[in-house]
Amino acid sequence: MPDNLTPFLKNLTYGIENKMNRIFLLPLALAFALSFNFIACESKPATSSKDLFNPVYERGRTVYQTQCTACHNSDPRRAGSIGPEVFGSSRELLEARVLRAECPAGYKPKRETHQMAAFPHLKAEIDSLTTYLNKK
């Protein structure tokens, strides 16, 4: 065999071995990633099965996700980039903050930024928002 073919054959066999390693390691890496994902997730569902079929709850979730998550976290239990966590907010607080951008008497805001605008067009959605923010 000519000497000038030796580097070519070495590169060829290395390429085959490298592909075999990739074929073996890809499923292994995928299995690791999936198992880590399952471990990292909460073991209990965020909502009960009755909430999944509750149209008021679902409406509140939709309204929250479309109207509130620009400032508040998509998970109402966590603080957002601008707005605080809102899980457990009372109807009185939601009416004051959402409809009038005010605080109810005696309420101390979680943040002193006062950046929230009023959303009077959501008046009909206060019940659904209250349901969603108190049952998650």
N, C-alpha and C. Protein backbone atom coordinates (compact mmCIF):
# COMPACT_ATOMS: atom_id res chain seq x y z
N MET A 1 0.86 -1.18 0.00
CA MET A 1 0.00 0.00 0.00
C MET A 1 0.90 1.23 0.00
N PRO A 2 0.61 2.19 -0.86
CA PRO A 2 1.43 3.40 -0.93
C PRO A 2 1.33 4.20 0.37
N ASP A 3 2.46 4.83 0.72
CA ASP A 3 2.52 5.62 1.95
C ASP A 3 1.60 6.84 1.92
N ASN A 4 1.32 7.36 0.74
CA ASN A 4 0.46 8.55 0.67
C ASN A 4 -1.00 8.23 0.97
N LEU A 5 -1.39 6.95 0.99
CA LEU A 5 -2.76 6.57 1.34
C LEU A 5 -2.94 6.37 2.85
N THR A 6 -1.87 6.19 3.58
CA THR A 6 -1.96 5.92 5.02
C THR A 6 -2.68 7.03 5.78
N PRO A 7 -2.35 8.31 5.59
CA PRO A 7 -3.10 9.36 6.29
C PRO A 7 -4.57 9.38 5.90
N PHE A 8 -4.85 9.10 4.64
CA PHE A 8 -6.24 9.06 4.17
C PHE A 8 -7.01 7.97 4.90
N LEU A 9 -6.42 6.76 5.00
CA LEU A 9 -7.10 5.66 5.66
C LEU A 9 -7.27 5.93 7.15
N LYS A 10 -6.27 6.56 7.77
CA LYS A 10 -6.40 6.91 9.19
C LYS A 10 -7.55 7.88 9.40
N ASN A 11 -7.66 8.88 8.55
CA ASN A 11 -8.75 9.85 8.65
C ASN A 11 -10.10 9.19 8.39
N LEU A 12 -10.10 8.25 7.44
CA LEU A 12 -11.34 7.56 7.12
C LEU A 12 -11.81 6.72 8.30
N THR A 13 -10.91 5.97 8.91
CA THR A 13 -11.31 5.14 10.05
C THR A 13 -11.67 6.00 11.26
N TYR A 14 -10.95 7.11 11.45
CA TYR A 14 -11.29 8.01 12.55
C TYR A 14 -12.70 8.56 12.36
N GLY A 15 -13.04 8.92 11.13
CA GLY A 15 -14.37 9.44 10.84
C GLY A 15 -15.46 8.42 11.14
N ILE A 16 -15.17 7.15 10.81
CA ILE A 16 -16.15 6.09 11.09
C ILE A 16 -16.29 5.89 12.59
N GLU A 17 -15.17 5.84 13.31
CA GLU A 17 -15.22 5.68 14.76
C GLU A 17 -15.95 6.86 15.40
N ASN A 18 -15.71 8.07 14.93
CA ASN A 18 -16.35 9.26 15.46
C ASN A 18 -17.86 9.20 15.24
N LYS A 19 -18.28 8.74 14.07
CA LYS A 19 -19.72 8.61 13.80
C LYS A 19 -20.35 7.56 14.70
N MET A 20 -19.62 6.45 14.94
CA MET A 20 -20.14 5.42 15.83
C MET A 20 -20.30 5.96 17.24
N ASN A 21 -19.34 6.76 17.68
CA ASN A 21 -19.44 7.37 19.00
C ASN A 21 -20.65 8.29 19.07
N ARG A 22 -20.86 9.06 18.04
CA ARG A 22 -22.02 9.95 18.02
C ARG A 22 -23.32 9.17 18.05
N ILE A 23 -23.38 8.09 17.29
CA ILE A 23 -24.58 7.27 17.24
C ILE A 23 -24.86 6.68 18.62
N PHE A 24 -23.81 6.29 19.32
CA PHE A 24 -23.98 5.72 20.65
C PHE A 24 -24.29 6.79 21.69
N LEU A 25 -23.62 7.94 21.61
CA LEU A 25 -23.75 8.96 22.64
C LEU A 25 -25.02 9.79 22.51
N LEU A 26 -25.55 9.94 21.32
CA LEU A 26 -26.76 10.75 21.14
C LEU A 26 -27.94 10.22 21.93
N PRO A 27 -28.30 8.93 21.81
CA PRO A 27 -29.41 8.43 22.64
C PRO A 27 -29.13 8.52 24.13
N LEU A 28 -27.87 8.32 24.51
CA LEU A 28 -27.50 8.42 25.92
C LEU A 28 -27.70 9.85 26.43
N ALA A 29 -27.26 10.83 25.65
CA ALA A 29 -27.44 12.23 26.03
C ALA A 29 -28.92 12.59 26.07
N LEU A 30 -29.68 12.09 25.11
CA LEU A 30 -31.12 12.36 25.08
C LEU A 30 -31.81 11.76 26.30
N ALA A 31 -31.46 10.54 26.65
CA ALA A 31 -32.06 9.90 27.83
C ALA A 31 -31.71 10.68 29.09
N PHE A 32 -30.48 11.15 29.21
CA PHE A 32 -30.08 11.94 30.37
C PHE A 32 -30.88 13.23 30.45
N ALA A 33 -31.02 13.92 29.32
CA ALA A 33 -31.75 15.18 29.30
C ALA A 33 -33.21 14.98 29.69
N LEU A 34 -33.83 13.93 29.17
CA LEU A 34 -35.23 13.68 29.51
C LEU A 34 -35.39 13.31 30.98
N SER A 35 -34.49 12.48 31.50
CA SER A 35 -34.61 12.10 32.91
C SER A 35 -34.39 13.32 33.81
N PHE A 36 -33.47 14.19 33.45
CA PHE A 36 -33.25 15.41 34.23
C PHE A 36 -34.49 16.28 34.21
N ASN A 37 -35.15 16.37 33.05
CA ASN A 37 -36.37 17.17 32.92
C ASN A 37 -37.46 16.63 33.83
N PHE A 38 -37.62 15.32 33.90
CA PHE A 38 -38.65 14.74 34.75
C PHE A 38 -38.34 14.97 36.23
N ILE A 39 -37.07 14.91 36.59
CA ILE A 39 -36.68 15.14 37.98
C ILE A 39 -36.90 16.59 38.37
N ALA A 40 -36.61 17.51 37.43
CA ALA A 40 -36.71 18.94 37.73
C ALA A 40 -38.15 19.41 37.84
N CYS A 41 -39.07 18.73 37.20
CA CYS A 41 -40.48 19.15 37.22
C CYS A 41 -41.10 18.79 38.57
N GLU A 42 -42.12 19.54 38.94
CA GLU A 42 -42.84 19.22 40.16
C GLU A 42 -43.55 17.90 40.00
N SER A 43 -43.67 17.16 41.07
CA SER A 43 -44.33 15.87 41.00
C SER A 43 -45.84 16.01 41.01
N LYS A 44 -46.36 17.10 41.51
CA LYS A 44 -47.81 17.28 41.54
C LYS A 44 -48.22 18.26 40.45
N PRO A 45 -49.38 18.04 39.84
CA PRO A 45 -49.83 18.96 38.80
C PRO A 45 -50.16 20.33 39.38
N ALA A 46 -49.99 21.37 38.57
CA ALA A 46 -50.26 22.74 39.02
C ALA A 46 -51.75 22.97 39.21
N THR A 47 -52.56 22.24 38.49
CA THR A 47 -54.00 22.40 38.59
C THR A 47 -54.65 21.05 38.81
N SER A 48 -55.78 21.05 39.46
CA SER A 48 -56.52 19.80 39.61
C SER A 48 -57.33 19.55 38.36
N SER A 49 -57.78 18.32 38.19
CA SER A 49 -58.52 17.98 36.99
C SER A 49 -59.85 18.74 36.92
N LYS A 50 -60.45 19.06 38.07
CA LYS A 50 -61.71 19.81 38.02
C LYS A 50 -61.49 21.24 37.51
N ASP A 51 -60.30 21.83 37.79
CA ASP A 51 -60.02 23.17 37.29
C ASP A 51 -59.84 23.18 35.78
N LEU A 52 -59.32 22.07 35.24
CA LEU A 52 -59.11 22.02 33.79
C LEU A 52 -60.42 22.12 33.02
N PHE A 53 -61.51 21.74 33.65
CA PHE A 53 -62.80 21.78 32.98
C PHE A 53 -63.70 22.89 33.52
N ASN A 54 -63.14 23.76 34.32
CA ASN A 54 -63.88 24.88 34.87
C ASN A 54 -63.73 26.07 33.91
N PRO A 55 -64.80 26.45 33.21
CA PRO A 55 -64.66 27.52 32.22
C PRO A 55 -64.28 28.87 32.83
N VAL A 56 -64.69 29.14 34.08
CA VAL A 56 -64.33 30.40 34.72
C VAL A 56 -62.83 30.43 35.00
N TYR A 57 -62.31 29.31 35.51
CA TYR A 57 -60.88 29.19 35.77
C TYR A 57 -60.09 29.34 34.47
N GLU A 58 -60.51 28.63 33.43
CA GLU A 58 -59.81 28.69 32.14
C GLU A 58 -59.86 30.09 31.54
N ARG A 59 -60.99 30.77 31.69
CA ARG A 59 -61.08 32.14 31.20
C ARG A 59 -60.11 33.05 31.96
N GLY A 60 -60.05 32.88 33.27
CA GLY A 60 -59.12 33.66 34.08
C GLY A 60 -57.68 33.40 33.69
N ARG A 61 -57.36 32.14 33.43
CA ARG A 61 -56.00 31.80 33.00
C ARG A 61 -55.67 32.46 31.66
N THR A 62 -56.61 32.42 30.73
CA THR A 62 -56.41 33.03 29.42
C THR A 62 -56.23 34.54 29.54
N VAL A 63 -57.09 35.17 30.32
CA VAL A 63 -57.00 36.62 30.51
C VAL A 63 -55.66 36.97 31.16
N TYR A 64 -55.29 36.24 32.19
CA TYR A 64 -54.01 36.51 32.87
C TYR A 64 -52.83 36.36 31.91
N GLN A 65 -52.81 35.27 31.17
CA GLN A 65 -51.69 35.01 30.26
C GLN A 65 -51.61 36.05 29.13
N THR A 66 -52.74 36.54 28.67
CA THR A 66 -52.72 37.50 27.56
C THR A 66 -52.62 38.95 28.00
N GLN A 67 -53.13 39.28 29.17
CA GLN A 67 -53.18 40.68 29.59
C GLN A 67 -52.15 41.05 30.68
N CYS A 68 -51.69 40.09 31.44
CA CYS A 68 -50.89 40.42 32.62
C CYS A 68 -49.42 40.04 32.53
N THR A 69 -49.09 39.09 31.67
CA THR A 69 -47.73 38.55 31.69
C THR A 69 -46.69 39.43 31.01
N ALA A 70 -47.09 40.54 30.45
CA ALA A 70 -46.08 41.48 29.95
C ALA A 70 -45.27 42.05 31.12
N CYS A 71 -45.91 42.15 32.28
CA CYS A 71 -45.23 42.69 33.47
C CYS A 71 -45.09 41.65 34.59
N HIS A 72 -46.12 40.82 34.76
CA HIS A 72 -46.12 39.80 35.80
C HIS A 72 -45.63 38.48 35.22
N ASN A 73 -45.11 37.62 36.07
CA ASN A 73 -44.60 36.32 35.64
C ASN A 73 -45.75 35.45 35.12
N SER A 74 -45.46 34.58 34.17
CA SER A 74 -46.51 33.69 33.67
C SER A 74 -46.98 32.74 34.77
N ASP A 75 -46.16 32.54 35.79
CA ASP A 75 -46.57 31.81 36.98
C ASP A 75 -46.91 32.85 38.04
N PRO A 76 -48.19 33.03 38.37
CA PRO A 76 -48.56 34.10 39.30
C PRO A 76 -47.97 33.97 40.69
N ARG A 77 -47.38 32.83 41.01
CA ARG A 77 -46.72 32.65 42.31
C ARG A 77 -45.35 33.29 42.34
N ARG A 78 -44.84 33.70 41.19
CA ARG A 78 -43.49 34.25 41.10
C ARG A 78 -43.54 35.71 40.65
N ALA A 79 -42.56 36.47 41.09
CA ALA A 79 -42.48 37.88 40.69
C ALA A 79 -42.09 37.97 39.22
N GLY A 80 -42.64 38.98 38.56
CA GLY A 80 -42.31 39.22 37.17
C GLY A 80 -41.21 40.25 37.02
N SER A 81 -40.94 40.62 35.79
CA SER A 81 -39.87 41.58 35.54
C SER A 81 -40.21 42.96 36.08
N ILE A 82 -41.49 43.29 36.07
CA ILE A 82 -41.93 44.60 36.57
C ILE A 82 -42.90 44.45 37.73
N GLY A 83 -43.87 43.56 37.57
CA GLY A 83 -44.91 43.39 38.59
C GLY A 83 -44.60 42.28 39.57
N PRO A 84 -45.15 42.36 40.78
CA PRO A 84 -44.89 41.35 41.82
C PRO A 84 -45.71 40.09 41.58
N GLU A 85 -45.49 39.08 42.42
CA GLU A 85 -46.33 37.88 42.37
C GLU A 85 -47.75 38.29 42.75
N VAL A 86 -48.74 37.68 42.12
CA VAL A 86 -50.12 38.09 42.35
C VAL A 86 -51.01 36.93 42.80
N PHE A 87 -50.41 35.77 43.02
CA PHE A 87 -51.19 34.63 43.48
C PHE A 87 -51.85 34.95 44.82
N GLY A 88 -53.12 34.60 44.95
CA GLY A 88 -53.84 34.82 46.19
C GLY A 88 -54.45 36.20 46.32
N SER A 89 -54.40 37.00 45.27
CA SER A 89 -54.96 38.36 45.34
C SER A 89 -56.47 38.30 45.52
N SER A 90 -56.98 39.13 46.41
CA SER A 90 -58.42 39.17 46.67
C SER A 90 -59.15 39.89 45.54
N ARG A 91 -60.45 39.67 45.49
CA ARG A 91 -61.28 40.36 44.50
C ARG A 91 -61.18 41.88 44.69
N GLU A 92 -61.21 42.32 45.96
CA GLU A 92 -61.12 43.75 46.26
C GLU A 92 -59.82 44.35 45.71
N LEU A 93 -58.72 43.64 45.91
CA LEU A 93 -57.43 44.12 45.41
C LEU A 93 -57.41 44.14 43.87
N LEU A 94 -57.93 43.08 43.25
CA LEU A 94 -57.95 43.04 41.79
C LEU A 94 -58.81 44.17 41.20
N GLU A 95 -59.96 44.42 41.80
CA GLU A 95 -60.81 45.51 41.31
C GLU A 95 -60.07 46.85 41.41
N ALA A 96 -59.43 47.10 42.53
CA ALA A 96 -58.74 48.38 42.72
C ALA A 96 -57.54 48.50 41.79
N ARG A 97 -56.69 47.46 41.75
CA ARG A 97 -55.46 47.55 40.95
C ARG A 97 -55.74 47.46 39.45
N VAL A 98 -56.56 46.51 39.04
CA VAL A 98 -56.78 46.28 37.60
C VAL A 98 -57.68 47.35 37.00
N LEU A 99 -58.76 47.67 37.66
CA LEU A 99 -59.74 48.59 37.05
C LEU A 99 -59.40 50.06 37.25
N ARG A 100 -58.78 50.40 38.41
CA ARG A 100 -58.53 51.81 38.70
C ARG A 100 -57.07 52.16 38.96
N ALA A 101 -56.19 51.17 38.95
CA ALA A 101 -54.76 51.38 39.26
C ALA A 101 -54.57 52.05 40.62
N GLU A 102 -55.40 51.66 41.57
CA GLU A 102 -55.34 52.19 42.93
C GLU A 102 -55.07 51.03 43.89
N CYS A 103 -54.83 51.38 45.12
CA CYS A 103 -54.70 50.37 46.18
C CYS A 103 -55.90 50.49 47.10
N PRO A 104 -56.45 49.37 47.57
CA PRO A 104 -57.54 49.46 48.54
C PRO A 104 -57.05 50.10 49.83
N ALA A 105 -57.96 50.63 50.59
CA ALA A 105 -57.60 51.27 51.87
C ALA A 105 -56.84 50.30 52.76
N GLY A 106 -55.72 50.75 53.29
CA GLY A 106 -54.92 49.94 54.20
C GLY A 106 -54.00 48.93 53.54
N TYR A 107 -53.99 48.85 52.23
CA TYR A 107 -53.14 47.89 51.53
C TYR A 107 -51.75 48.47 51.30
N LYS A 108 -50.74 47.72 51.64
CA LYS A 108 -49.35 48.15 51.39
C LYS A 108 -48.86 47.41 50.15
N PRO A 109 -48.53 48.14 49.07
CA PRO A 109 -48.08 47.48 47.84
C PRO A 109 -46.79 46.69 48.05
N LYS A 110 -46.64 45.62 47.28
CA LYS A 110 -45.42 44.80 47.35
C LYS A 110 -44.24 45.53 46.75
N ARG A 111 -44.50 46.42 45.80
CA ARG A 111 -43.45 47.23 45.18
C ARG A 111 -43.91 48.67 45.18
N GLU A 112 -42.98 49.56 45.27
CA GLU A 112 -43.29 50.99 45.33
C GLU A 112 -43.17 51.67 43.96
N THR A 113 -43.19 50.92 42.87
CA THR A 113 -42.96 51.51 41.56
C THR A 113 -44.17 52.26 41.01
N HIS A 114 -45.36 51.84 41.35
CA HIS A 114 -46.60 52.46 40.89
C HIS A 114 -46.65 52.57 39.37
N GLN A 115 -46.20 51.54 38.68
CA GLN A 115 -46.18 51.56 37.22
C GLN A 115 -47.41 50.92 36.59
N MET A 116 -48.23 50.25 37.35
CA MET A 116 -49.37 49.56 36.77
C MET A 116 -50.43 50.55 36.29
N ALA A 117 -50.84 50.36 35.06
CA ALA A 117 -51.91 51.17 34.47
C ALA A 117 -53.25 50.51 34.77
N ALA A 118 -54.31 51.28 34.62
CA ALA A 118 -55.67 50.74 34.79
C ALA A 118 -56.08 50.01 33.52
N PHE A 119 -56.85 48.94 33.69
CA PHE A 119 -57.38 48.16 32.58
C PHE A 119 -58.90 48.05 32.74
N PRO A 120 -59.63 49.16 32.58
CA PRO A 120 -61.07 49.12 32.83
C PRO A 120 -61.82 48.17 31.89
N HIS A 121 -61.23 47.86 30.76
CA HIS A 121 -61.89 46.94 29.82
C HIS A 121 -61.96 45.51 30.37
N LEU A 122 -61.27 45.25 31.47
CA LEU A 122 -61.29 43.91 32.07
C LEU A 122 -62.33 43.78 33.20
N LYS A 123 -63.23 44.75 33.31
CA LYS A 123 -64.23 44.73 34.38
C LYS A 123 -65.00 43.42 34.43
N ALA A 124 -65.38 42.90 33.28
CA ALA A 124 -66.16 41.66 33.23
C ALA A 124 -65.31 40.42 33.55
N GLU A 125 -64.00 40.58 33.63
CA GLU A 125 -63.10 39.45 33.85
C GLU A 125 -62.60 39.33 35.29
N ILE A 126 -63.02 40.20 36.18
CA ILE A 126 -62.52 40.19 37.56
C ILE A 126 -62.84 38.86 38.25
N ASP A 127 -64.04 38.33 38.05
CA ASP A 127 -64.39 37.04 38.67
C ASP A 127 -63.48 35.92 38.18
N SER A 128 -63.25 35.87 36.87
CA SER A 128 -62.41 34.80 36.34
C SER A 128 -60.95 34.96 36.78
N LEU A 129 -60.46 36.19 36.82
CA LEU A 129 -59.10 36.42 37.32
C LEU A 129 -58.98 36.02 38.79
N THR A 130 -59.98 36.37 39.59
CA THR A 130 -59.96 36.00 41.00
C THR A 130 -59.94 34.49 41.16
N THR A 131 -60.76 33.80 40.38
CA THR A 131 -60.79 32.33 40.43
C THR A 131 -59.44 31.76 40.06
N TYR A 132 -58.86 32.22 38.97
CA TYR A 132 -57.58 31.71 38.51
C TYR A 132 -56.46 31.97 39.53
N LEU A 133 -56.40 33.18 40.04
CA LEU A 133 -55.29 33.55 40.92
C LEU A 133 -55.41 32.96 42.33
N ASN A 134 -56.54 32.35 42.63
CA ASN A 134 -56.71 31.76 43.96
C ASN A 134 -56.83 30.25 43.94
N LYS A 135 -56.74 29.61 42.77
CA LYS A 135 -56.87 28.16 42.70
C LYS A 135 -55.72 27.48 42.01
N LYS A 136 -54.63 28.14 41.84
CA LYS A 136 -53.55 27.52 41.08
C LYS A 136 -52.69 26.68 41.98
